[in-house]
Amino acid sequence: MTVVSMETVLPWLMSMSAAVGLAILRVGMVFVVGYVAVRFVRLGLQQLERVMIVTSTPADQQSGTAQKRAATLTGILKTIAMTAIWAIVIIESLHFVGLDVAPILAGAGILGLAVGFGAQNLVRDLISGFFIILEDQIRLGDVAVINGTGGLVEIITFRTISLRDFSGVVHIFPNGG
């Protein structure tokens, strides 16, 4: 049986506490950088929203359509940016703690690929809807013909457009096809 003396434990304890303190400091710095990045993104998106509203037509500004479109687009960009920033912060924090992040990144890539293949139609609809709203191709209250069906545009989302035809029937069309 070996006896552990204070002379052998103390140096080990000091080196471990220094390593833990350094890791906590690094993780704290990563979170501070992430927080600053989030603040810059929010400010940038607020400026983008103001620019989009100011550069829109006076009729859109009066009706509030420009503000709704700008808020929708900046909301999506904000969600994407925040997800990316905090994912990077978490991955870097795990790396500084000493975990190997390569398997996590590989698994996330494979999962993303599987979801991408499985949700091709959904992704196509969302991207098409994003550009329909961004380019202001169609608005609420417009009379439009989609796939041979004409009617009044009642709802526009990133996935679908809802038309009410002249007989009162509601038709819902995916944006991507």
N, C-alpha and C. Protein backbone atom coordinates (compact mmCIF):
# COMPACT_ATOMS: atom_id res chain seq x y z
N MET A 1 0.84 -1.17 0.00
CA MET A 1 0.00 0.00 0.00
C MET A 1 0.89 1.24 0.00
N THR A 2 0.57 2.14 -0.89
CA THR A 2 1.39 3.34 -0.98
C THR A 2 0.74 4.48 -0.22
N VAL A 3 1.56 5.26 0.35
CA VAL A 3 1.09 6.40 1.11
C VAL A 3 1.32 7.65 0.25
N VAL A 4 0.28 8.41 0.11
CA VAL A 4 0.38 9.64 -0.69
C VAL A 4 0.72 10.78 0.26
N SER A 5 1.79 11.42 -0.05
CA SER A 5 2.20 12.52 0.82
C SER A 5 1.76 13.85 0.22
N MET A 6 1.76 14.86 1.04
CA MET A 6 1.35 16.20 0.62
C MET A 6 2.31 16.75 -0.43
N GLU A 7 3.58 16.33 -0.38
CA GLU A 7 4.57 16.82 -1.34
C GLU A 7 4.28 16.32 -2.76
N THR A 8 3.64 15.16 -2.90
CA THR A 8 3.32 14.65 -4.24
C THR A 8 1.96 15.14 -4.72
N VAL A 9 1.03 15.35 -3.81
CA VAL A 9 -0.31 15.77 -4.19
C VAL A 9 -0.36 17.27 -4.51
N LEU A 10 0.36 18.06 -3.78
CA LEU A 10 0.29 19.50 -3.95
C LEU A 10 0.70 19.96 -5.35
N PRO A 11 1.81 19.50 -5.93
CA PRO A 11 2.14 19.93 -7.30
C PRO A 11 1.08 19.49 -8.32
N TRP A 12 0.57 18.28 -8.13
CA TRP A 12 -0.47 17.80 -9.06
C TRP A 12 -1.73 18.66 -8.95
N LEU A 13 -2.12 18.97 -7.72
CA LEU A 13 -3.29 19.80 -7.48
C LEU A 13 -3.10 21.20 -8.05
N MET A 14 -1.91 21.75 -7.92
CA MET A 14 -1.63 23.08 -8.46
C MET A 14 -1.69 23.07 -9.99
N SER A 15 -1.16 22.06 -10.62
CA SER A 15 -1.18 22.01 -12.09
C SER A 15 -2.61 21.80 -12.60
N MET A 16 -3.38 20.98 -11.90
CA MET A 16 -4.77 20.76 -12.30
C MET A 16 -5.60 22.04 -12.14
N SER A 17 -5.40 22.74 -11.03
CA SER A 17 -6.17 23.97 -10.82
C SER A 17 -5.77 25.03 -11.85
N ALA A 18 -4.52 25.08 -12.24
CA ALA A 18 -4.08 26.02 -13.27
C ALA A 18 -4.71 25.66 -14.62
N ALA A 19 -4.77 24.37 -14.94
CA ALA A 19 -5.37 23.94 -16.20
C ALA A 19 -6.87 24.23 -16.23
N VAL A 20 -7.55 23.97 -15.11
CA VAL A 20 -8.99 24.24 -15.04
C VAL A 20 -9.23 25.75 -15.12
N GLY A 21 -8.44 26.53 -14.43
CA GLY A 21 -8.59 27.99 -14.47
C GLY A 21 -8.37 28.54 -15.87
N LEU A 22 -7.37 28.02 -16.57
CA LEU A 22 -7.10 28.46 -17.94
C LEU A 22 -8.25 28.07 -18.87
N ALA A 23 -8.79 26.87 -18.71
CA ALA A 23 -9.93 26.44 -19.54
C ALA A 23 -11.15 27.31 -19.27
N ILE A 24 -11.41 27.63 -18.01
CA ILE A 24 -12.55 28.50 -17.67
C ILE A 24 -12.35 29.89 -18.26
N LEU A 25 -11.14 30.40 -18.21
CA LEU A 25 -10.86 31.70 -18.80
C LEU A 25 -11.07 31.69 -20.31
N ARG A 26 -10.60 30.66 -20.98
CA ARG A 26 -10.77 30.56 -22.43
C ARG A 26 -12.25 30.44 -22.81
N VAL A 27 -12.99 29.59 -22.09
CA VAL A 27 -14.41 29.43 -22.37
C VAL A 27 -15.15 30.75 -22.11
N GLY A 28 -14.78 31.43 -21.05
CA GLY A 28 -15.39 32.74 -20.77
C GLY A 28 -15.12 33.73 -21.89
N MET A 29 -13.90 33.73 -22.42
CA MET A 29 -13.58 34.63 -23.52
C MET A 29 -14.37 34.27 -24.78
N VAL A 30 -14.55 32.99 -25.03
CA VAL A 30 -15.34 32.57 -26.19
C VAL A 30 -16.78 33.06 -26.05
N PHE A 31 -17.35 32.95 -24.86
CA PHE A 31 -18.71 33.43 -24.65
C PHE A 31 -18.81 34.95 -24.77
N VAL A 32 -17.79 35.67 -24.32
CA VAL A 32 -17.78 37.13 -24.46
C VAL A 32 -17.73 37.50 -25.94
N VAL A 33 -16.87 36.84 -26.71
CA VAL A 33 -16.78 37.10 -28.15
C VAL A 33 -18.11 36.76 -28.83
N GLY A 34 -18.74 35.66 -28.42
CA GLY A 34 -20.05 35.30 -28.97
C GLY A 34 -21.10 36.34 -28.66
N TYR A 35 -21.10 36.85 -27.44
CA TYR A 35 -22.05 37.88 -27.05
C TYR A 35 -21.85 39.16 -27.86
N VAL A 36 -20.60 39.56 -28.04
CA VAL A 36 -20.30 40.75 -28.84
C VAL A 36 -20.75 40.53 -30.29
N ALA A 37 -20.51 39.35 -30.82
CA ALA A 37 -20.94 39.05 -32.19
C ALA A 37 -22.46 39.13 -32.31
N VAL A 38 -23.17 38.63 -31.31
CA VAL A 38 -24.64 38.70 -31.32
C VAL A 38 -25.09 40.16 -31.31
N ARG A 39 -24.46 41.00 -30.51
CA ARG A 39 -24.83 42.42 -30.46
C ARG A 39 -24.60 43.09 -31.82
N PHE A 40 -23.46 42.80 -32.47
CA PHE A 40 -23.18 43.39 -33.77
C PHE A 40 -24.18 42.92 -34.82
N VAL A 41 -24.53 41.64 -34.78
CA VAL A 41 -25.50 41.12 -35.74
C VAL A 41 -26.86 41.79 -35.54
N ARG A 42 -27.28 41.93 -34.31
CA ARG A 42 -28.57 42.60 -34.03
C ARG A 42 -28.57 44.04 -34.53
N LEU A 43 -27.49 44.77 -34.27
CA LEU A 43 -27.40 46.15 -34.74
C LEU A 43 -27.41 46.20 -36.27
N GLY A 44 -26.66 45.31 -36.89
CA GLY A 44 -26.62 45.26 -38.35
C GLY A 44 -27.98 44.94 -38.95
N LEU A 45 -28.69 44.02 -38.34
CA LEU A 45 -30.01 43.65 -38.86
C LEU A 45 -31.03 44.76 -38.63
N GLN A 46 -30.90 45.50 -37.54
CA GLN A 46 -31.79 46.65 -37.33
C GLN A 46 -31.54 47.71 -38.40
N GLN A 47 -30.28 47.93 -38.73
CA GLN A 47 -29.96 48.88 -39.80
C GLN A 47 -30.49 48.38 -41.13
N LEU A 48 -30.34 47.10 -41.41
CA LEU A 48 -30.85 46.53 -42.65
C LEU A 48 -32.36 46.70 -42.74
N GLU A 49 -33.05 46.48 -41.63
CA GLU A 49 -34.51 46.63 -41.62
C GLU A 49 -34.90 48.08 -41.91
N ARG A 50 -34.19 49.03 -41.30
CA ARG A 50 -34.47 50.45 -41.57
C ARG A 50 -34.24 50.79 -43.04
N VAL A 51 -33.14 50.30 -43.60
CA VAL A 51 -32.82 50.58 -45.00
C VAL A 51 -33.89 49.98 -45.91
N MET A 52 -34.33 48.76 -45.62
CA MET A 52 -35.35 48.13 -46.44
C MET A 52 -36.66 48.92 -46.40
N ILE A 53 -37.01 49.44 -45.25
CA ILE A 53 -38.25 50.22 -45.13
C ILE A 53 -38.12 51.55 -45.86
N VAL A 54 -36.99 52.22 -45.68
CA VAL A 54 -36.79 53.53 -46.30
C VAL A 54 -36.74 53.42 -47.83
N THR A 55 -36.14 52.36 -48.35
CA THR A 55 -36.01 52.23 -49.80
C THR A 55 -37.24 51.63 -50.48
N SER A 56 -38.25 51.28 -49.71
CA SER A 56 -39.47 50.73 -50.31
C SER A 56 -40.33 51.86 -50.87
N THR A 57 -41.34 51.49 -51.61
CA THR A 57 -42.22 52.49 -52.21
C THR A 57 -43.06 53.17 -51.14
N PRO A 58 -43.49 54.42 -51.38
CA PRO A 58 -44.32 55.12 -50.39
C PRO A 58 -45.63 54.39 -50.10
N ALA A 59 -46.19 53.73 -51.11
CA ALA A 59 -47.44 52.99 -50.88
C ALA A 59 -47.22 51.84 -49.90
N ASP A 60 -46.09 51.14 -50.05
CA ASP A 60 -45.77 50.05 -49.12
C ASP A 60 -45.51 50.58 -47.71
N GLN A 61 -44.89 51.74 -47.62
CA GLN A 61 -44.63 52.33 -46.30
C GLN A 61 -45.95 52.72 -45.63
N GLN A 62 -46.87 53.27 -46.40
CA GLN A 62 -48.17 53.67 -45.85
C GLN A 62 -48.97 52.48 -45.35
N SER A 63 -48.99 51.42 -46.13
CA SER A 63 -49.81 50.26 -45.78
C SER A 63 -49.17 49.36 -44.72
N GLY A 64 -47.89 49.57 -44.47
CA GLY A 64 -47.20 48.73 -43.49
C GLY A 64 -46.63 47.45 -44.10
N THR A 65 -46.82 47.27 -45.39
CA THR A 65 -46.31 46.06 -46.06
C THR A 65 -44.79 46.02 -46.02
N ALA A 66 -44.16 47.16 -46.24
CA ALA A 66 -42.69 47.22 -46.24
C ALA A 66 -42.13 46.82 -44.88
N GLN A 67 -42.78 47.29 -43.82
CA GLN A 67 -42.30 46.97 -42.47
C GLN A 67 -42.48 45.48 -42.18
N LYS A 68 -43.60 44.91 -42.60
CA LYS A 68 -43.82 43.48 -42.38
C LYS A 68 -42.80 42.65 -43.15
N ARG A 69 -42.55 43.00 -44.42
CA ARG A 69 -41.59 42.25 -45.24
C ARG A 69 -40.19 42.35 -44.64
N ALA A 70 -39.81 43.57 -44.24
CA ALA A 70 -38.48 43.77 -43.66
C ALA A 70 -38.34 43.00 -42.35
N ALA A 71 -39.38 43.03 -41.51
CA ALA A 71 -39.33 42.30 -40.23
C ALA A 71 -39.24 40.80 -40.46
N THR A 72 -39.95 40.30 -41.46
CA THR A 72 -39.91 38.87 -41.76
C THR A 72 -38.52 38.45 -42.20
N LEU A 73 -37.95 39.20 -43.14
CA LEU A 73 -36.64 38.83 -43.67
C LEU A 73 -35.54 38.97 -42.62
N THR A 74 -35.55 40.05 -41.86
CA THR A 74 -34.52 40.21 -40.84
C THR A 74 -34.70 39.20 -39.71
N GLY A 75 -35.94 38.79 -39.45
CA GLY A 75 -36.16 37.75 -38.45
C GLY A 75 -35.53 36.42 -38.85
N ILE A 76 -35.66 36.08 -40.12
CA ILE A 76 -35.06 34.84 -40.60
C ILE A 76 -33.54 34.93 -40.55
N LEU A 77 -33.00 36.05 -41.02
CA LEU A 77 -31.54 36.23 -40.99
C LEU A 77 -31.02 36.22 -39.55
N LYS A 78 -31.78 36.79 -38.63
CA LYS A 78 -31.38 36.80 -37.22
C LYS A 78 -31.33 35.38 -36.67
N THR A 79 -32.34 34.58 -36.98
CA THR A 79 -32.36 33.20 -36.50
C THR A 79 -31.17 32.41 -37.04
N ILE A 80 -30.89 32.57 -38.31
CA ILE A 80 -29.75 31.87 -38.92
C ILE A 80 -28.45 32.31 -38.28
N ALA A 81 -28.26 33.63 -38.12
CA ALA A 81 -27.02 34.15 -37.56
C ALA A 81 -26.84 33.72 -36.10
N MET A 82 -27.89 33.80 -35.30
CA MET A 82 -27.79 33.43 -33.89
C MET A 82 -27.47 31.94 -33.74
N THR A 83 -28.10 31.13 -34.56
CA THR A 83 -27.83 29.69 -34.51
C THR A 83 -26.37 29.42 -34.85
N ALA A 84 -25.87 30.07 -35.89
CA ALA A 84 -24.48 29.86 -36.30
C ALA A 84 -23.51 30.34 -35.22
N ILE A 85 -23.75 31.52 -34.68
CA ILE A 85 -22.84 32.08 -33.66
C ILE A 85 -22.80 31.19 -32.43
N TRP A 86 -23.96 30.80 -31.91
CA TRP A 86 -23.95 30.00 -30.68
C TRP A 86 -23.47 28.58 -30.91
N ALA A 87 -23.67 28.05 -32.11
CA ALA A 87 -23.10 26.73 -32.42
C ALA A 87 -21.58 26.80 -32.40
N ILE A 88 -21.02 27.86 -32.97
CA ILE A 88 -19.56 28.03 -32.96
C ILE A 88 -19.06 28.22 -31.54
N VAL A 89 -19.78 29.00 -30.73
CA VAL A 89 -19.37 29.22 -29.34
C VAL A 89 -19.37 27.91 -28.57
N ILE A 90 -20.40 27.11 -28.74
CA ILE A 90 -20.47 25.84 -28.01
C ILE A 90 -19.36 24.88 -28.47
N ILE A 91 -19.14 24.80 -29.76
CA ILE A 91 -18.10 23.90 -30.27
C ILE A 91 -16.72 24.34 -29.79
N GLU A 92 -16.46 25.64 -29.84
CA GLU A 92 -15.16 26.14 -29.36
C GLU A 92 -15.00 25.91 -27.86
N SER A 93 -16.08 26.08 -27.11
CA SER A 93 -16.01 25.85 -25.67
C SER A 93 -15.71 24.40 -25.36
N LEU A 94 -16.35 23.49 -26.07
CA LEU A 94 -16.07 22.06 -25.88
C LEU A 94 -14.62 21.74 -26.23
N HIS A 95 -14.11 22.40 -27.27
CA HIS A 95 -12.72 22.18 -27.67
C HIS A 95 -11.76 22.66 -26.58
N PHE A 96 -12.04 23.84 -25.98
CA PHE A 96 -11.17 24.37 -24.94
C PHE A 96 -11.24 23.57 -23.65
N VAL A 97 -12.37 22.89 -23.43
CA VAL A 97 -12.50 22.05 -22.25
C VAL A 97 -11.67 20.77 -22.42
N GLY A 98 -11.39 20.42 -23.66
CA GLY A 98 -10.56 19.25 -23.92
C GLY A 98 -11.28 18.13 -24.63
N LEU A 99 -12.51 18.35 -25.04
CA LEU A 99 -13.24 17.32 -25.78
C LEU A 99 -12.86 17.37 -27.25
N ASP A 100 -12.84 16.22 -27.89
CA ASP A 100 -12.56 16.14 -29.32
C ASP A 100 -13.85 16.46 -30.07
N VAL A 101 -13.87 17.58 -30.80
CA VAL A 101 -15.08 18.02 -31.48
C VAL A 101 -15.20 17.46 -32.89
N ALA A 102 -14.18 16.80 -33.39
CA ALA A 102 -14.23 16.25 -34.75
C ALA A 102 -15.38 15.25 -34.93
N PRO A 103 -15.59 14.30 -34.02
CA PRO A 103 -16.74 13.40 -34.19
C PRO A 103 -18.08 14.12 -34.12
N ILE A 104 -18.17 15.16 -33.31
CA ILE A 104 -19.41 15.93 -33.22
C ILE A 104 -19.68 16.62 -34.54
N LEU A 105 -18.65 17.24 -35.11
CA LEU A 105 -18.81 17.93 -36.39
C LEU A 105 -19.12 16.95 -37.52
N ALA A 106 -18.49 15.80 -37.50
CA ALA A 106 -18.76 14.79 -38.53
C ALA A 106 -20.21 14.29 -38.41
N GLY A 107 -20.64 14.04 -37.20
CA GLY A 107 -22.03 13.60 -36.99
C GLY A 107 -23.03 14.66 -37.40
N ALA A 108 -22.73 15.93 -37.10
CA ALA A 108 -23.63 17.01 -37.51
C ALA A 108 -23.67 17.13 -39.02
N GLY A 109 -22.54 16.93 -39.68
CA GLY A 109 -22.52 16.98 -41.15
C GLY A 109 -23.34 15.87 -41.77
N ILE A 110 -23.21 14.67 -41.23
CA ILE A 110 -23.98 13.53 -41.75
C ILE A 110 -25.47 13.75 -41.49
N LEU A 111 -25.80 14.24 -40.30
CA LEU A 111 -27.20 14.52 -39.97
C LEU A 111 -27.77 15.60 -40.89
N GLY A 112 -27.00 16.65 -41.12
CA GLY A 112 -27.44 17.71 -42.02
C GLY A 112 -27.65 17.21 -43.44
N LEU A 113 -26.78 16.34 -43.89
CA LEU A 113 -26.92 15.76 -45.22
C LEU A 113 -28.19 14.91 -45.31
N ALA A 114 -28.44 14.10 -44.29
CA ALA A 114 -29.63 13.24 -44.28
C ALA A 114 -30.91 14.09 -44.25
N VAL A 115 -30.91 15.11 -43.42
CA VAL A 115 -32.09 15.98 -43.35
C VAL A 115 -32.26 16.73 -44.66
N GLY A 116 -31.15 17.16 -45.26
CA GLY A 116 -31.23 17.86 -46.54
C GLY A 116 -31.83 17.01 -47.63
N PHE A 117 -31.42 15.75 -47.70
CA PHE A 117 -32.00 14.86 -48.71
C PHE A 117 -33.46 14.54 -48.40
N GLY A 118 -33.76 14.38 -47.13
CA GLY A 118 -35.13 14.02 -46.75
C GLY A 118 -36.11 15.17 -46.88
N ALA A 119 -35.61 16.38 -46.77
CA ALA A 119 -36.50 17.55 -46.78
C ALA A 119 -36.26 18.45 -47.98
N GLN A 120 -35.93 17.86 -49.11
CA GLN A 120 -35.63 18.65 -50.31
C GLN A 120 -36.81 19.54 -50.69
N ASN A 121 -38.01 19.00 -50.70
CA ASN A 121 -39.18 19.80 -51.09
C ASN A 121 -39.42 20.94 -50.10
N LEU A 122 -39.27 20.65 -48.82
CA LEU A 122 -39.46 21.68 -47.80
C LEU A 122 -38.43 22.80 -47.97
N VAL A 123 -37.18 22.42 -48.16
CA VAL A 123 -36.12 23.41 -48.33
C VAL A 123 -36.36 24.21 -49.61
N ARG A 124 -36.75 23.54 -50.68
CA ARG A 124 -37.04 24.24 -51.94
C ARG A 124 -38.17 25.25 -51.75
N ASP A 125 -39.23 24.84 -51.04
CA ASP A 125 -40.35 25.74 -50.78
C ASP A 125 -39.92 26.95 -49.95
N LEU A 126 -39.11 26.70 -48.92
CA LEU A 126 -38.68 27.79 -48.04
C LEU A 126 -37.79 28.78 -48.78
N ILE A 127 -36.86 28.27 -49.57
CA ILE A 127 -35.97 29.16 -50.32
C ILE A 127 -36.76 29.95 -51.36
N SER A 128 -37.66 29.30 -52.06
CA SER A 128 -38.49 30.00 -53.04
C SER A 128 -39.35 31.05 -52.36
N GLY A 129 -39.94 30.71 -51.23
CA GLY A 129 -40.76 31.68 -50.50
C GLY A 129 -39.96 32.86 -50.01
N PHE A 130 -38.73 32.60 -49.57
CA PHE A 130 -37.85 33.68 -49.13
C PHE A 130 -37.63 34.67 -50.27
N PHE A 131 -37.33 34.15 -51.46
CA PHE A 131 -37.08 35.05 -52.59
C PHE A 131 -38.36 35.70 -53.12
N ILE A 132 -39.49 35.02 -53.02
CA ILE A 132 -40.75 35.65 -53.41
C ILE A 132 -41.03 36.86 -52.53
N ILE A 133 -40.82 36.71 -51.24
CA ILE A 133 -41.05 37.83 -50.32
C ILE A 133 -39.96 38.89 -50.48
N LEU A 134 -38.71 38.48 -50.61
CA LEU A 134 -37.60 39.42 -50.75
C LEU A 134 -37.77 40.28 -52.00
N GLU A 135 -38.10 39.66 -53.11
CA GLU A 135 -38.22 40.38 -54.38
C GLU A 135 -39.59 41.01 -54.56
N ASP A 136 -40.49 40.82 -53.60
CA ASP A 136 -41.83 41.41 -53.62
C ASP A 136 -42.56 41.05 -54.92
N GLN A 137 -42.50 39.77 -55.30
CA GLN A 137 -43.10 39.32 -56.54
C GLN A 137 -44.62 39.30 -56.48
N ILE A 138 -45.16 39.02 -55.30
CA ILE A 138 -46.60 38.94 -55.13
C ILE A 138 -46.92 39.47 -53.73
N ARG A 139 -48.08 40.10 -53.60
CA ARG A 139 -48.46 40.71 -52.31
C ARG A 139 -49.84 40.23 -51.89
N LEU A 140 -50.14 40.44 -50.64
CA LEU A 140 -51.49 40.17 -50.15
C LEU A 140 -52.46 41.08 -50.89
N GLY A 141 -53.58 40.52 -51.30
CA GLY A 141 -54.59 41.30 -51.99
C GLY A 141 -54.44 41.34 -53.50
N ASP A 142 -53.31 40.83 -54.03
CA ASP A 142 -53.13 40.77 -55.48
C ASP A 142 -54.04 39.70 -56.07
N VAL A 143 -54.42 39.88 -57.32
CA VAL A 143 -55.10 38.84 -58.06
C VAL A 143 -54.04 38.15 -58.90
N ALA A 144 -53.91 36.84 -58.75
CA ALA A 144 -52.83 36.11 -59.40
C ALA A 144 -53.36 34.81 -59.98
N VAL A 145 -52.59 34.27 -60.93
CA VAL A 145 -52.87 32.95 -61.50
C VAL A 145 -51.67 32.08 -61.18
N ILE A 146 -51.90 31.00 -60.45
CA ILE A 146 -50.84 30.07 -60.08
C ILE A 146 -51.27 28.69 -60.55
N ASN A 147 -50.44 28.07 -61.36
CA ASN A 147 -50.72 26.72 -61.90
C ASN A 147 -52.11 26.64 -62.54
N GLY A 148 -52.51 27.71 -63.24
CA GLY A 148 -53.78 27.72 -63.93
C GLY A 148 -54.98 28.08 -63.08
N THR A 149 -54.76 28.36 -61.80
CA THR A 149 -55.85 28.73 -60.90
C THR A 149 -55.70 30.21 -60.56
N GLY A 150 -56.73 30.97 -60.85
CA GLY A 150 -56.70 32.40 -60.56
C GLY A 150 -57.47 32.70 -59.30
N GLY A 151 -57.06 33.77 -58.63
CA GLY A 151 -57.77 34.18 -57.44
C GLY A 151 -57.06 35.28 -56.69
N LEU A 152 -57.62 35.63 -55.55
CA LEU A 152 -57.10 36.68 -54.69
C LEU A 152 -56.10 36.07 -53.71
N VAL A 153 -54.92 36.67 -53.59
CA VAL A 153 -53.89 36.19 -52.67
C VAL A 153 -54.30 36.57 -51.26
N GLU A 154 -54.52 35.56 -50.41
CA GLU A 154 -54.94 35.81 -49.03
C GLU A 154 -53.80 35.67 -48.03
N ILE A 155 -52.93 34.67 -48.24
CA ILE A 155 -51.85 34.41 -47.29
C ILE A 155 -50.58 34.09 -48.07
N ILE A 156 -49.48 34.70 -47.65
CA ILE A 156 -48.17 34.36 -48.21
C ILE A 156 -47.26 34.00 -47.05
N THR A 157 -46.72 32.79 -47.07
CA THR A 157 -45.73 32.37 -46.08
C THR A 157 -44.50 31.92 -46.84
N PHE A 158 -43.48 31.50 -46.11
CA PHE A 158 -42.28 31.02 -46.77
C PHE A 158 -42.51 29.68 -47.44
N ARG A 159 -43.52 28.95 -47.03
CA ARG A 159 -43.78 27.65 -47.63
C ARG A 159 -44.88 27.68 -48.67
N THR A 160 -45.92 28.49 -48.45
CA THR A 160 -47.10 28.40 -49.32
C THR A 160 -47.68 29.77 -49.65
N ILE A 161 -48.52 29.76 -50.69
CA ILE A 161 -49.35 30.90 -51.05
C ILE A 161 -50.79 30.39 -51.10
N SER A 162 -51.69 31.12 -50.45
CA SER A 162 -53.11 30.74 -50.45
C SER A 162 -53.88 31.70 -51.35
N LEU A 163 -54.63 31.12 -52.30
CA LEU A 163 -55.49 31.89 -53.20
C LEU A 163 -56.93 31.54 -52.92
N ARG A 164 -57.80 32.53 -52.99
CA ARG A 164 -59.24 32.29 -52.95
C ARG A 164 -59.75 32.59 -54.35
N ASP A 165 -60.25 31.54 -55.02
CA ASP A 165 -60.71 31.74 -56.40
C ASP A 165 -62.03 32.51 -56.41
N PHE A 166 -62.52 32.76 -57.61
CA PHE A 166 -63.69 33.64 -57.75
C PHE A 166 -64.99 32.99 -57.29
N SER A 167 -64.96 31.66 -57.07
CA SER A 167 -66.14 30.99 -56.53
C SER A 167 -66.04 30.81 -55.02
N GLY A 168 -64.96 31.31 -54.40
CA GLY A 168 -64.82 31.26 -52.95
C GLY A 168 -63.99 30.10 -52.41
N VAL A 169 -63.49 29.23 -53.29
CA VAL A 169 -62.71 28.07 -52.87
C VAL A 169 -61.26 28.51 -52.61
N VAL A 170 -60.68 28.04 -51.49
CA VAL A 170 -59.30 28.37 -51.13
C VAL A 170 -58.38 27.30 -51.71
N HIS A 171 -57.33 27.74 -52.42
CA HIS A 171 -56.31 26.85 -52.98
C HIS A 171 -54.99 27.21 -52.34
N ILE A 172 -54.24 26.19 -51.93
CA ILE A 172 -52.93 26.41 -51.30
C ILE A 172 -51.87 25.79 -52.20
N PHE A 173 -50.87 26.63 -52.57
CA PHE A 173 -49.82 26.18 -53.47
C PHE A 173 -48.46 26.28 -52.77
N PRO A 174 -47.64 25.23 -52.89
CA PRO A 174 -46.28 25.34 -52.35
C PRO A 174 -45.47 26.32 -53.20
N ASN A 175 -44.58 27.06 -52.57
CA ASN A 175 -43.80 28.07 -53.29
C ASN A 175 -42.78 27.47 -54.25
N GLY A 176 -42.30 26.28 -53.96
CA GLY A 176 -41.24 25.70 -54.77
C GLY A 176 -41.71 24.97 -56.01
N GLY A 177 -42.96 24.82 -56.23
CA GLY A 177 -43.33 24.08 -57.41
C GLY A 177 -44.75 24.09 -57.60
